[in-house]
Amino acid sequence: MSVTISGQTGIFTTIQDAIDAASPGQTILVGDGTYGPITITKSLTLRPVNDGGAEIVGAGVNQGAAI
């Protein structure tokens, strides 16, 4: 599983690490896999590297989302 932030060097091993490191408005590119639960407290775009290859799961208002 790999997660990168557009316009930023480095690969994160967890989606939460990438979310925490990203600035508002950035896009996080998510490799194939299942991720979660996660907490997002700023405006971000999560985009899959491969269409439909990533899934976010967890509790909350949106209990799972395919990206």
N, C-alpha and C. Protein backbone atom coordinates (compact mmCIF):
# COMPACT_ATOMS: atom_id res chain seq x y z
N MET A 1 0.85 -1.16 0.00
CA MET A 1 0.00 0.00 0.00
C MET A 1 0.90 1.23 0.00
N SER A 2 0.59 2.17 -0.88
CA SER A 2 1.38 3.40 -0.91
C SER A 2 0.45 4.60 -1.06
N VAL A 3 0.86 5.68 -0.45
CA VAL A 3 0.09 6.91 -0.47
C VAL A 3 1.06 8.05 -0.72
N THR A 4 0.75 8.91 -1.67
CA THR A 4 1.60 10.07 -1.94
C THR A 4 0.74 11.33 -1.95
N ILE A 5 1.39 12.46 -1.71
CA ILE A 5 0.72 13.75 -1.78
C ILE A 5 1.23 14.46 -3.01
N SER A 6 0.31 14.90 -3.86
CA SER A 6 0.72 15.58 -5.09
C SER A 6 1.54 16.82 -4.77
N GLY A 7 2.60 17.02 -5.53
CA GLY A 7 3.45 18.19 -5.33
C GLY A 7 4.36 18.10 -4.13
N GLN A 8 4.49 16.93 -3.55
CA GLN A 8 5.31 16.76 -2.35
C GLN A 8 6.10 15.46 -2.49
N THR A 9 7.35 15.49 -2.14
CA THR A 9 8.16 14.28 -2.22
C THR A 9 7.90 13.39 -1.01
N GLY A 10 8.11 12.11 -1.19
CA GLY A 10 7.96 11.16 -0.10
C GLY A 10 6.73 10.30 -0.27
N ILE A 11 6.84 9.09 0.19
CA ILE A 11 5.73 8.14 0.18
C ILE A 11 5.39 7.81 1.62
N PHE A 12 4.12 7.84 1.94
CA PHE A 12 3.65 7.56 3.29
C PHE A 12 3.15 6.12 3.34
N THR A 13 3.35 5.45 4.46
CA THR A 13 2.92 4.06 4.59
C THR A 13 1.48 3.94 5.08
N THR A 14 0.91 5.03 5.62
CA THR A 14 -0.50 5.00 6.00
C THR A 14 -1.19 6.23 5.41
N ILE A 15 -2.46 6.07 5.12
CA ILE A 15 -3.23 7.20 4.60
C ILE A 15 -3.36 8.29 5.67
N GLN A 16 -3.44 7.91 6.94
CA GLN A 16 -3.56 8.91 8.01
C GLN A 16 -2.31 9.76 8.10
N ASP A 17 -1.11 9.17 7.92
CA ASP A 17 0.13 9.96 7.91
C ASP A 17 0.11 10.99 6.79
N ALA A 18 -0.38 10.60 5.61
CA ALA A 18 -0.46 11.53 4.49
C ALA A 18 -1.48 12.63 4.77
N ILE A 19 -2.63 12.27 5.33
CA ILE A 19 -3.65 13.26 5.67
C ILE A 19 -3.09 14.26 6.67
N ASP A 20 -2.40 13.77 7.69
CA ASP A 20 -1.84 14.65 8.71
C ASP A 20 -0.77 15.58 8.14
N ALA A 21 0.01 15.11 7.16
CA ALA A 21 1.10 15.91 6.58
C ALA A 21 0.63 16.87 5.49
N ALA A 22 -0.52 16.61 4.89
CA ALA A 22 -1.01 17.42 3.78
C ALA A 22 -1.51 18.78 4.26
N SER A 23 -1.36 19.74 3.37
CA SER A 23 -1.93 21.07 3.62
C SER A 23 -3.33 21.12 3.02
N PRO A 24 -4.20 21.97 3.57
CA PRO A 24 -5.54 22.09 3.00
C PRO A 24 -5.48 22.35 1.50
N GLY A 25 -6.36 21.67 0.76
CA GLY A 25 -6.43 21.85 -0.68
C GLY A 25 -5.57 20.88 -1.48
N GLN A 26 -4.68 20.14 -0.83
CA GLN A 26 -3.83 19.20 -1.56
C GLN A 26 -4.60 17.94 -1.94
N THR A 27 -4.04 17.21 -2.91
CA THR A 27 -4.59 15.94 -3.36
C THR A 27 -3.72 14.81 -2.87
N ILE A 28 -4.33 13.80 -2.28
CA ILE A 28 -3.63 12.60 -1.82
C ILE A 28 -3.93 11.49 -2.81
N LEU A 29 -2.89 10.92 -3.38
CA LEU A 29 -3.02 9.82 -4.33
C LEU A 29 -2.89 8.51 -3.58
N VAL A 30 -3.92 7.68 -3.67
CA VAL A 30 -4.01 6.48 -2.85
C VAL A 30 -3.85 5.24 -3.73
N GLY A 31 -2.90 4.38 -3.36
CA GLY A 31 -2.69 3.12 -4.08
C GLY A 31 -3.79 2.12 -3.76
N ASP A 32 -3.83 1.03 -4.51
CA ASP A 32 -4.83 -0.01 -4.29
C ASP A 32 -4.77 -0.53 -2.86
N GLY A 33 -5.92 -0.80 -2.29
CA GLY A 33 -5.99 -1.35 -0.94
C GLY A 33 -7.21 -0.85 -0.21
N THR A 34 -7.35 -1.30 1.02
CA THR A 34 -8.43 -0.89 1.89
C THR A 34 -7.82 -0.09 3.03
N TYR A 35 -8.38 1.06 3.29
CA TYR A 35 -7.84 1.99 4.28
C TYR A 35 -8.89 2.35 5.31
N GLY A 36 -8.46 2.61 6.52
CA GLY A 36 -9.38 3.13 7.52
C GLY A 36 -9.23 2.42 8.84
N PRO A 37 -9.86 2.95 9.84
CA PRO A 37 -10.58 4.22 9.78
C PRO A 37 -9.61 5.39 9.69
N ILE A 38 -10.10 6.51 9.17
CA ILE A 38 -9.28 7.72 9.04
C ILE A 38 -10.05 8.90 9.60
N THR A 39 -9.31 9.96 9.91
CA THR A 39 -9.91 11.21 10.37
C THR A 39 -9.40 12.33 9.48
N ILE A 40 -10.33 13.06 8.87
CA ILE A 40 -9.97 14.20 8.01
C ILE A 40 -10.58 15.44 8.63
N THR A 41 -9.72 16.41 8.94
CA THR A 41 -10.19 17.64 9.59
C THR A 41 -9.89 18.88 8.75
N LYS A 42 -9.56 18.67 7.47
CA LYS A 42 -9.28 19.80 6.57
C LYS A 42 -9.75 19.41 5.17
N SER A 43 -9.83 20.40 4.31
CA SER A 43 -10.30 20.17 2.94
C SER A 43 -9.19 19.51 2.12
N LEU A 44 -9.42 18.26 1.70
CA LEU A 44 -8.46 17.50 0.91
C LEU A 44 -9.20 16.76 -0.20
N THR A 45 -8.45 16.37 -1.23
CA THR A 45 -8.99 15.49 -2.26
C THR A 45 -8.25 14.17 -2.16
N LEU A 46 -9.00 13.07 -2.03
CA LEU A 46 -8.42 11.73 -2.06
C LEU A 46 -8.73 11.16 -3.43
N ARG A 47 -7.69 10.72 -4.14
CA ARG A 47 -7.86 10.22 -5.49
C ARG A 47 -7.11 8.89 -5.64
N PRO A 48 -7.74 7.88 -6.25
CA PRO A 48 -7.07 6.60 -6.43
C PRO A 48 -6.05 6.67 -7.56
N VAL A 49 -4.96 5.92 -7.41
CA VAL A 49 -4.00 5.79 -8.49
C VAL A 49 -4.63 4.98 -9.62
N ASN A 50 -5.34 3.92 -9.26
CA ASN A 50 -6.06 3.08 -10.22
C ASN A 50 -7.55 3.20 -9.93
N ASP A 51 -8.32 3.57 -10.94
CA ASP A 51 -9.75 3.81 -10.76
C ASP A 51 -10.43 2.64 -10.06
N GLY A 52 -11.05 2.92 -8.91
CA GLY A 52 -11.78 1.91 -8.15
C GLY A 52 -10.91 0.96 -7.37
N GLY A 53 -9.60 1.23 -7.27
CA GLY A 53 -8.69 0.31 -6.61
C GLY A 53 -8.49 0.56 -5.13
N ALA A 54 -9.12 1.60 -4.59
CA ALA A 54 -8.94 1.93 -3.18
C ALA A 54 -10.30 2.06 -2.51
N GLU A 55 -10.36 1.66 -1.25
CA GLU A 55 -11.60 1.74 -0.49
C GLU A 55 -11.30 2.25 0.91
N ILE A 56 -12.11 3.21 1.37
CA ILE A 56 -12.00 3.75 2.72
C ILE A 56 -13.12 3.10 3.55
N VAL A 57 -12.76 2.51 4.69
CA VAL A 57 -13.77 1.88 5.56
C VAL A 57 -13.64 2.43 6.97
N GLY A 58 -14.72 2.38 7.71
CA GLY A 58 -14.69 2.82 9.10
C GLY A 58 -16.02 3.34 9.55
N ALA A 59 -16.09 3.70 10.81
CA ALA A 59 -17.32 4.20 11.40
C ALA A 59 -17.45 5.70 11.13
N GLY A 60 -18.66 6.17 11.21
CA GLY A 60 -18.91 7.59 11.03
C GLY A 60 -20.12 7.82 10.16
N VAL A 61 -20.29 9.06 9.73
CA VAL A 61 -21.43 9.40 8.90
C VAL A 61 -21.37 8.63 7.58
N ASN A 62 -20.22 8.66 6.93
CA ASN A 62 -20.02 7.88 5.71
C ASN A 62 -19.26 6.62 6.09
N GLN A 63 -19.93 5.54 6.20
CA GLN A 63 -19.32 4.30 6.66
C GLN A 63 -18.76 3.51 5.50
N GLY A 64 -17.72 4.04 4.90
CA GLY A 64 -17.06 3.39 3.79
C GLY A 64 -17.30 4.15 2.50
N ALA A 65 -16.25 4.34 1.75
CA ALA A 65 -16.36 5.03 0.48
C ALA A 65 -15.32 4.46 -0.47
N ALA A 66 -15.75 4.17 -1.67
CA ALA A 66 -14.81 3.75 -2.71
C ALA A 66 -14.31 5.00 -3.40
N ILE A 67 -13.01 5.04 -3.68
CA ILE A 67 -12.47 6.19 -4.39
C ILE A 67 -11.74 5.70 -5.62
